[in-house]
Amino acid sequence: MPTVLANVNDLLEKRVLEETGEYASTGGRKAKSIGINKSYCHAMGILITANHIEMVLVNLGDEIIKKNRIR
């Protein structure tokens, strides 16, 4: 069974995760802060109604990249 470190390293290598900084050392190695790479992939939502179509593109940080509404 893979360790947590092996899984984290695999996700870092695939760029799903990224190092976001370091914590102050309390002795030994400095602890690294790791987070999701917001730009790794995007999600698209589409709303279709009788009156319009609305599309939104977001990143993994829940930030809207593009939004469009067509009547």
PDB file of N, CA and C in Angstrom:
ATOM      1  N   MET A   1       0.846  -1.179   0.000  1.00  0.00           N
ATOM      2  CA  MET A   1       0.000   0.000   0.000  1.00  0.00           C
ATOM      3  C   MET A   1       0.896   1.249   0.000  1.00  0.00           C
ATOM      4  N   PRO A   2       0.650   2.189  -0.937  1.00  0.00           N
ATOM      5  CA  PRO A   2       1.472   3.395  -1.008  1.00  0.00           C
ATOM      6  C   PRO A   2       1.296   4.273   0.233  1.00  0.00           C
ATOM      7  N   THR A   3       2.347   4.972   0.584  1.00  0.00           N
ATOM      8  CA  THR A   3       2.291   5.885   1.718  1.00  0.00           C
ATOM      9  C   THR A   3       1.677   7.212   1.292  1.00  0.00           C
ATOM     10  N   VAL A   4       1.306   8.016   2.272  1.00  0.00           N
ATOM     11  CA  VAL A   4       0.775   9.347   1.973  1.00  0.00           C
ATOM     12  C   VAL A   4       1.813  10.146   1.196  1.00  0.00           C
ATOM     13  N   LEU A   5       3.064  10.081   1.621  1.00  0.00           N
ATOM     14  CA  LEU A   5       4.133  10.815   0.939  1.00  0.00           C
ATOM     15  C   LEU A   5       4.261  10.378  -0.518  1.00  0.00           C
ATOM     16  N   ALA A   6       4.164   9.079  -0.776  1.00  0.00           N
ATOM     17  CA  ALA A   6       4.251   8.586  -2.156  1.00  0.00           C
ATOM     18  C   ALA A   6       3.087   9.122  -2.988  1.00  0.00           C
ATOM     19  N   ASN A   7       1.894   9.139  -2.407  1.00  0.00           N
ATOM     20  CA  ASN A   7       0.731   9.662  -3.136  1.00  0.00           C
ATOM     21  C   ASN A   7       0.861  11.161  -3.387  1.00  0.00           C
ATOM     22  N   VAL A   8       1.312  11.908  -2.388  1.00  0.00           N
ATOM     23  CA  VAL A   8       1.497  13.351  -2.552  1.00  0.00           C
ATOM     24  C   VAL A   8       2.562  13.628  -3.609  1.00  0.00           C
ATOM     25  N   ASN A   9       3.670  12.909  -3.556  1.00  0.00           N
ATOM     26  CA  ASN A   9       4.723  13.100  -4.558  1.00  0.00           C
ATOM     27  C   ASN A   9       4.222  12.793  -5.962  1.00  0.00           C
ATOM     28  N   ASP A  10       3.392  11.763  -6.100  1.00  0.00           N
ATOM     29  CA  ASP A  10       2.814  11.416  -7.397  1.00  0.00           C
ATOM     30  C   ASP A  10       1.937  12.559  -7.908  1.00  0.00           C
ATOM     31  N   LEU A  11       1.112  13.128  -7.024  1.00  0.00           N
ATOM     32  CA  LEU A  11       0.241  14.233  -7.429  1.00  0.00           C
ATOM     33  C   LEU A  11       1.033  15.507  -7.715  1.00  0.00           C
ATOM     34  N   LEU A  12       2.136  15.715  -7.003  1.00  0.00           N
ATOM     35  CA  LEU A  12       3.016  16.849  -7.305  1.00  0.00           C
ATOM     36  C   LEU A  12       3.663  16.674  -8.677  1.00  0.00           C
ATOM     37  N   GLU A  13       4.088  15.466  -8.971  1.00  0.00           N
ATOM     38  CA  GLU A  13       4.715  15.170 -10.266  1.00  0.00           C
ATOM     39  C   GLU A  13       3.733  15.381 -11.410  1.00  0.00           C
ATOM     40  N   LYS A  14       2.468  15.031 -11.185  1.00  0.00           N
ATOM     41  CA  LYS A  14       1.430  15.207 -12.210  1.00  0.00           C
ATOM     42  C   LYS A  14       0.890  16.633 -12.241  1.00  0.00           C
ATOM     43  N   ARG A  15       1.367  17.481 -11.319  1.00  0.00           N
ATOM     44  CA  ARG A  15       0.992  18.888 -11.213  1.00  0.00           C
ATOM     45  C   ARG A  15      -0.445  19.104 -10.762  1.00  0.00           C
ATOM     46  N   VAL A  16      -1.063  18.092 -10.154  1.00  0.00           N
ATOM     47  CA  VAL A  16      -2.391  18.253  -9.563  1.00  0.00           C
ATOM     48  C   VAL A  16      -2.261  19.087  -8.288  1.00  0.00           C
ATOM     49  N   LEU A  17      -1.187  18.838  -7.532  1.00  0.00           N
ATOM     50  CA  LEU A  17      -0.865  19.612  -6.337  1.00  0.00           C
ATOM     51  C   LEU A  17       0.351  20.473  -6.623  1.00  0.00           C
ATOM     52  N   GLU A  18       0.524  21.534  -5.815  1.00  0.00           N
ATOM     53  CA  GLU A  18       1.697  22.385  -5.947  1.00  0.00           C
ATOM     54  C   GLU A  18       2.123  22.869  -4.566  1.00  0.00           C
ATOM     55  N   GLU A  19       3.407  23.137  -4.425  1.00  0.00           N
ATOM     56  CA  GLU A  19       3.915  23.695  -3.178  1.00  0.00           C
ATOM     57  C   GLU A  19       3.519  25.160  -3.118  1.00  0.00           C
ATOM     58  N   THR A  20       2.949  25.568  -1.982  1.00  0.00           N
ATOM     59  CA  THR A  20       2.465  26.943  -1.848  1.00  0.00           C
ATOM     60  C   THR A  20       3.283  27.760  -0.859  1.00  0.00           C
ATOM     61  N   GLY A  21       4.259  27.138  -0.213  1.00  0.00           N
ATOM     62  CA  GLY A  21       5.100  27.871   0.729  1.00  0.00           C
ATOM     63  C   GLY A  21       5.744  26.943   1.734  1.00  0.00           C
ATOM     64  N   GLU A  22       6.348  27.551   2.758  1.00  0.00           N
ATOM     65  CA  GLU A  22       6.994  26.779   3.823  1.00  0.00           C
ATOM     66  C   GLU A  22       6.564  27.327   5.169  1.00  0.00           C
ATOM     67  N   TYR A  23       6.499  26.442   6.152  1.00  0.00           N
ATOM     68  CA  TYR A  23       6.225  26.846   7.528  1.00  0.00           C
ATOM     69  C   TYR A  23       7.549  27.036   8.248  1.00  0.00           C
ATOM     70  N   ALA A  24       7.540  27.845   9.283  1.00  0.00           N
ATOM     71  CA  ALA A  24       8.748  28.053  10.082  1.00  0.00           C
ATOM     72  C   ALA A  24       9.188  26.727  10.691  1.00  0.00           C
ATOM     73  N   SER A  25      10.474  26.523  10.724  1.00  0.00           N
ATOM     74  CA  SER A  25      11.033  25.275  11.241  1.00  0.00           C
ATOM     75  C   SER A  25      11.012  25.267  12.765  1.00  0.00           C
ATOM     76  N   THR A  26      10.623  24.118  13.313  1.00  0.00           N
ATOM     77  CA  THR A  26      10.697  23.925  14.764  1.00  0.00           C
ATOM     78  C   THR A  26      11.796  22.924  15.076  1.00  0.00           C
ATOM     79  N   GLY A  27      12.669  22.721  14.120  1.00  0.00           N
ATOM     80  CA  GLY A  27      13.742  21.736  14.214  1.00  0.00           C
ATOM     81  C   GLY A  27      13.602  20.748  13.075  1.00  0.00           C
ATOM     82  N   GLY A  28      14.698  20.367  12.500  1.00  0.00           N
ATOM     83  CA  GLY A  28      14.639  19.445  11.363  1.00  0.00           C
ATOM     84  C   GLY A  28      14.291  20.179  10.082  1.00  0.00           C
ATOM     85  N   ARG A  29      13.701  19.437   9.151  1.00  0.00           N
ATOM     86  CA  ARG A  29      13.337  20.022   7.857  1.00  0.00           C
ATOM     87  C   ARG A  29      12.194  21.016   8.011  1.00  0.00           C
ATOM     88  N   LYS A  30      12.180  22.031   7.137  1.00  0.00           N
ATOM     89  CA  LYS A  30      11.054  22.959   7.111  1.00  0.00           C
ATOM     90  C   LYS A  30       9.851  22.245   6.506  1.00  0.00           C
ATOM     91  N   ALA A  31       8.703  22.420   7.128  1.00  0.00           N
ATOM     92  CA  ALA A  31       7.474  21.826   6.601  1.00  0.00           C
ATOM     93  C   ALA A  31       7.015  22.623   5.388  1.00  0.00           C
ATOM     94  N   LYS A  32       6.562  21.929   4.364  1.00  0.00           N
ATOM     95  CA  LYS A  32       6.091  22.580   3.143  1.00  0.00           C
ATOM     96  C   LYS A  32       4.567  22.629   3.145  1.00  0.00           C
ATOM     97  N   SER A  33       4.048  23.721   2.641  1.00  0.00           N
ATOM     98  CA  SER A  33       2.611  23.871   2.464  1.00  0.00           C
ATOM     99  C   SER A  33       2.271  23.418   1.046  1.00  0.00           C
ATOM    100  N   ILE A  34       1.277  22.562   0.932  1.00  0.00           N
ATOM    101  CA  ILE A  34       0.890  22.011  -0.370  1.00  0.00           C
ATOM    102  C   ILE A  34      -0.596  22.257  -0.584  1.00  0.00           C
ATOM    103  N   GLY A  35      -0.955  22.669  -1.790  1.00  0.00           N
ATOM    104  CA  GLY A  35      -2.354  22.917  -2.117  1.00  0.00           C
ATOM    105  C   GLY A  35      -2.678  22.448  -3.516  1.00  0.00           C
ATOM    106  N   ILE A  36      -3.940  22.537  -3.854  1.00  0.00           N
ATOM    107  CA  ILE A  36      -4.399  22.140  -5.186  1.00  0.00           C
ATOM    108  C   ILE A  36      -3.944  23.178  -6.209  1.00  0.00           C
ATOM    109  N   ASN A  37      -3.455  22.719  -7.334  1.00  0.00           N
ATOM    110  CA  ASN A  37      -3.087  23.587  -8.450  1.00  0.00           C
ATOM    111  C   ASN A  37      -4.389  24.026  -9.127  1.00  0.00           C
ATOM    112  N   LYS A  38      -4.788  25.267  -8.886  1.00  0.00           N
ATOM    113  CA  LYS A  38      -6.075  25.771  -9.382  1.00  0.00           C
ATOM    114  C   LYS A  38      -6.217  25.673 -10.891  1.00  0.00           C
ATOM    115  N   SER A  39      -5.108  25.779 -11.597  1.00  0.00           N
ATOM    116  CA  SER A  39      -5.184  25.779 -13.062  1.00  0.00           C
ATOM    117  C   SER A  39      -4.953  24.397 -13.667  1.00  0.00           C
ATOM    118  N   TYR A  40      -4.945  23.349 -12.828  1.00  0.00           N
ATOM    119  CA  TYR A  40      -4.706  21.998 -13.344  1.00  0.00           C
ATOM    120  C   TYR A  40      -5.773  21.609 -14.365  1.00  0.00           C
ATOM    121  N   CYS A  41      -7.012  21.879 -14.057  1.00  0.00           N
ATOM    122  CA  CYS A  41      -8.086  21.612 -15.017  1.00  0.00           C
ATOM    123  C   CYS A  41      -9.239  22.568 -14.739  1.00  0.00           C
ATOM    124  N   HIS A  42     -10.212  22.563 -15.592  1.00  0.00           N
ATOM    125  CA  HIS A  42     -11.362  23.448 -15.479  1.00  0.00           C
ATOM    126  C   HIS A  42     -12.648  22.634 -15.557  1.00  0.00           C
ATOM    127  N   ALA A  43     -13.729  23.235 -15.078  1.00  0.00           N
ATOM    128  CA  ALA A  43     -15.054  22.624 -15.179  1.00  0.00           C
ATOM    129  C   ALA A  43     -15.967  23.618 -15.885  1.00  0.00           C
ATOM    130  N   MET A  44     -16.914  23.080 -16.638  1.00  0.00           N
ATOM    131  CA  MET A  44     -17.841  23.934 -17.373  1.00  0.00           C
ATOM    132  C   MET A  44     -19.265  23.586 -16.970  1.00  0.00           C
ATOM    133  N   GLY A  45     -20.039  24.609 -16.706  1.00  0.00           N
ATOM    134  CA  GLY A  45     -21.455  24.418 -16.395  1.00  0.00           C
ATOM    135  C   GLY A  45     -22.294  25.065 -17.475  1.00  0.00           C
ATOM    136  N   ILE A  46     -23.393  24.416 -17.822  1.00  0.00           N
ATOM    137  CA  ILE A  46     -24.289  24.942 -18.851  1.00  0.00           C
ATOM    138  C   ILE A  46     -25.717  24.897 -18.325  1.00  0.00           C
ATOM    139  N   LEU A  47     -26.408  26.026 -18.419  1.00  0.00           N
ATOM    140  CA  LEU A  47     -27.813  26.118 -18.034  1.00  0.00           C
ATOM    141  C   LEU A  47     -28.611  26.444 -19.287  1.00  0.00           C
ATOM    142  N   ILE A  48     -29.556  25.583 -19.618  1.00  0.00           N
ATOM    143  CA  ILE A  48     -30.395  25.792 -20.799  1.00  0.00           C
ATOM    144  C   ILE A  48     -31.830  25.991 -20.329  1.00  0.00           C
ATOM    145  N   THR A  49     -32.409  27.134 -20.694  1.00  0.00           N
ATOM    146  CA  THR A  49     -33.809  27.405 -20.374  1.00  0.00           C
ATOM    147  C   THR A  49     -34.544  27.717 -21.677  1.00  0.00           C
ATOM    148  N   ALA A  50     -35.820  27.987 -21.566  1.00  0.00           N
ATOM    149  CA  ALA A  50     -36.610  28.331 -22.749  1.00  0.00           C
ATOM    150  C   ALA A  50     -36.185  29.678 -23.325  1.00  0.00           C
ATOM    151  N   ASN A  51     -35.585  30.543 -22.491  1.00  0.00           N
ATOM    152  CA  ASN A  51     -35.254  31.898 -22.930  1.00  0.00           C
ATOM    153  C   ASN A  51     -33.780  32.144 -23.224  1.00  0.00           C
ATOM    154  N   HIS A  52     -32.901  31.348 -22.658  1.00  0.00           N
ATOM    155  CA  HIS A  52     -31.476  31.618 -22.842  1.00  0.00           C
ATOM    156  C   HIS A  52     -30.630  30.384 -22.532  1.00  0.00           C
ATOM    157  N   ILE A  53     -29.359  30.498 -22.904  1.00  0.00           N
ATOM    158  CA  ILE A  53     -28.344  29.501 -22.541  1.00  0.00           C
ATOM    159  C   ILE A  53     -27.251  30.261 -21.802  1.00  0.00           C
ATOM    160  N   GLU A  54     -26.853  29.736 -20.650  1.00  0.00           N
ATOM    161  CA  GLU A  54     -25.791  30.366 -19.870  1.00  0.00           C
ATOM    162  C   GLU A  54     -24.680  29.351 -19.663  1.00  0.00           C
ATOM    163  N   MET A  55     -23.432  29.796 -19.890  1.00  0.00           N
ATOM    164  CA  MET A  55     -22.271  28.922 -19.729  1.00  0.00           C
ATOM    165  C   MET A  55     -21.282  29.581 -18.786  1.00  0.00           C
ATOM    166  N   VAL A  56     -20.622  28.764 -17.959  1.00  0.00           N
ATOM    167  CA  VAL A  56     -19.611  29.284 -17.049  1.00  0.00           C
ATOM    168  C   VAL A  56     -18.440  28.308 -17.013  1.00  0.00           C
ATOM    169  N   LEU A  57     -17.230  28.861 -17.004  1.00  0.00           N
ATOM    170  CA  LEU A  57     -16.004  28.068 -16.923  1.00  0.00           C
ATOM    171  C   LEU A  57     -15.308  28.451 -15.622  1.00  0.00           C
ATOM    172  N   VAL A  58     -15.015  27.460 -14.765  1.00  0.00           N
ATOM    173  CA  VAL A  58     -14.367  27.722 -13.475  1.00  0.00           C
ATOM    174  C   VAL A  58     -13.114  26.873 -13.342  1.00  0.00           C
ATOM    175  N   ASN A  59     -12.193  27.340 -12.480  1.00  0.00           N
ATOM    176  CA  ASN A  59     -11.002  26.544 -12.200  1.00  0.00           C
ATOM    177  C   ASN A  59     -11.210  25.771 -10.900  1.00  0.00           C
ATOM    178  N   LEU A  60     -10.215  25.024 -10.460  1.00  0.00           N
ATOM    179  CA  LEU A  60     -10.347  24.220  -9.250  1.00  0.00           C
ATOM    180  C   LEU A  60     -10.377  25.064  -7.983  1.00  0.00           C
ATOM    181  N   GLY A  61     -10.091  26.350  -8.092  1.00  0.00           N
ATOM    182  CA  GLY A  61     -10.182  27.264  -6.958  1.00  0.00           C
ATOM    183  C   GLY A  61     -11.547  27.928  -6.882  1.00  0.00           C
ATOM    184  N   ASP A  62     -12.505  27.443  -7.668  1.00  0.00           N
ATOM    185  CA  ASP A  62     -13.871  27.966  -7.709  1.00  0.00           C
ATOM    186  C   ASP A  62     -13.905  29.420  -8.182  1.00  0.00           C
ATOM    187  N   GLU A  63     -12.952  29.787  -9.030  1.00  0.00           N
ATOM    188  CA  GLU A  63     -12.912  31.125  -9.606  1.00  0.00           C
ATOM    189  C   GLU A  63     -13.482  31.070 -11.019  1.00  0.00           C
ATOM    190  N   ILE A  64     -14.337  32.017 -11.345  1.00  0.00           N
ATOM    191  CA  ILE A  64     -14.934  32.064 -12.678  1.00  0.00           C
ATOM    192  C   ILE A  64     -13.896  32.577 -13.673  1.00  0.00           C
ATOM    193  N   ILE A  65     -13.627  31.772 -14.688  1.00  0.00           N
ATOM    194  CA  ILE A  65     -12.685  32.135 -15.742  1.00  0.00           C
ATOM    195  C   ILE A  65     -13.419  32.895 -16.847  1.00  0.00           C
ATOM    196  N   LYS A  66     -14.574  32.395 -17.215  1.00  0.00           N
ATOM    197  CA  LYS A  66     -15.365  33.028 -18.276  1.00  0.00           C
ATOM    198  C   LYS A  66     -16.831  32.687 -18.052  1.00  0.00           C
ATOM    199  N   LYS A  67     -17.676  33.653 -18.339  1.00  0.00           N
ATOM    200  CA  LYS A  67     -19.118  33.459 -18.217  1.00  0.00           C
ATOM    201  C   LYS A  67     -19.770  34.087 -19.433  1.00  0.00           C
ATOM    202  N   ASN A  68     -20.748  33.397 -20.011  1.00  0.00           N
ATOM    203  CA  ASN A  68     -21.395  33.896 -21.217  1.00  0.00           C
ATOM    204  C   ASN A  68     -22.873  33.541 -21.174  1.00  0.00           C
ATOM    205  N   ARG A  69     -23.685  34.455 -21.641  1.00  0.00           N
ATOM    206  CA  ARG A  69     -25.132  34.225 -21.701  1.00  0.00           C
ATOM    207  C   ARG A  69     -25.603  34.564 -23.107  1.00  0.00           C
ATOM    208  N   ILE A  70     -26.349  33.659 -23.689  1.00  0.00           N
ATOM    209  CA  ILE A  70     -26.866  33.837 -25.048  1.00  0.00           C
ATOM    210  C   ILE A  70     -28.385  33.838 -24.974  1.00  0.00           C
ATOM    211  N   ARG A  71     -28.995  34.837 -25.581  1.00  0.00           N
ATOM    212  CA  ARG A  71     -30.465  34.918 -25.582  1.00  0.00           C
ATOM    213  C   ARG A  71     -31.031  34.208 -26.766  1.00  0.00           C
TER     214      ARG A  71
END
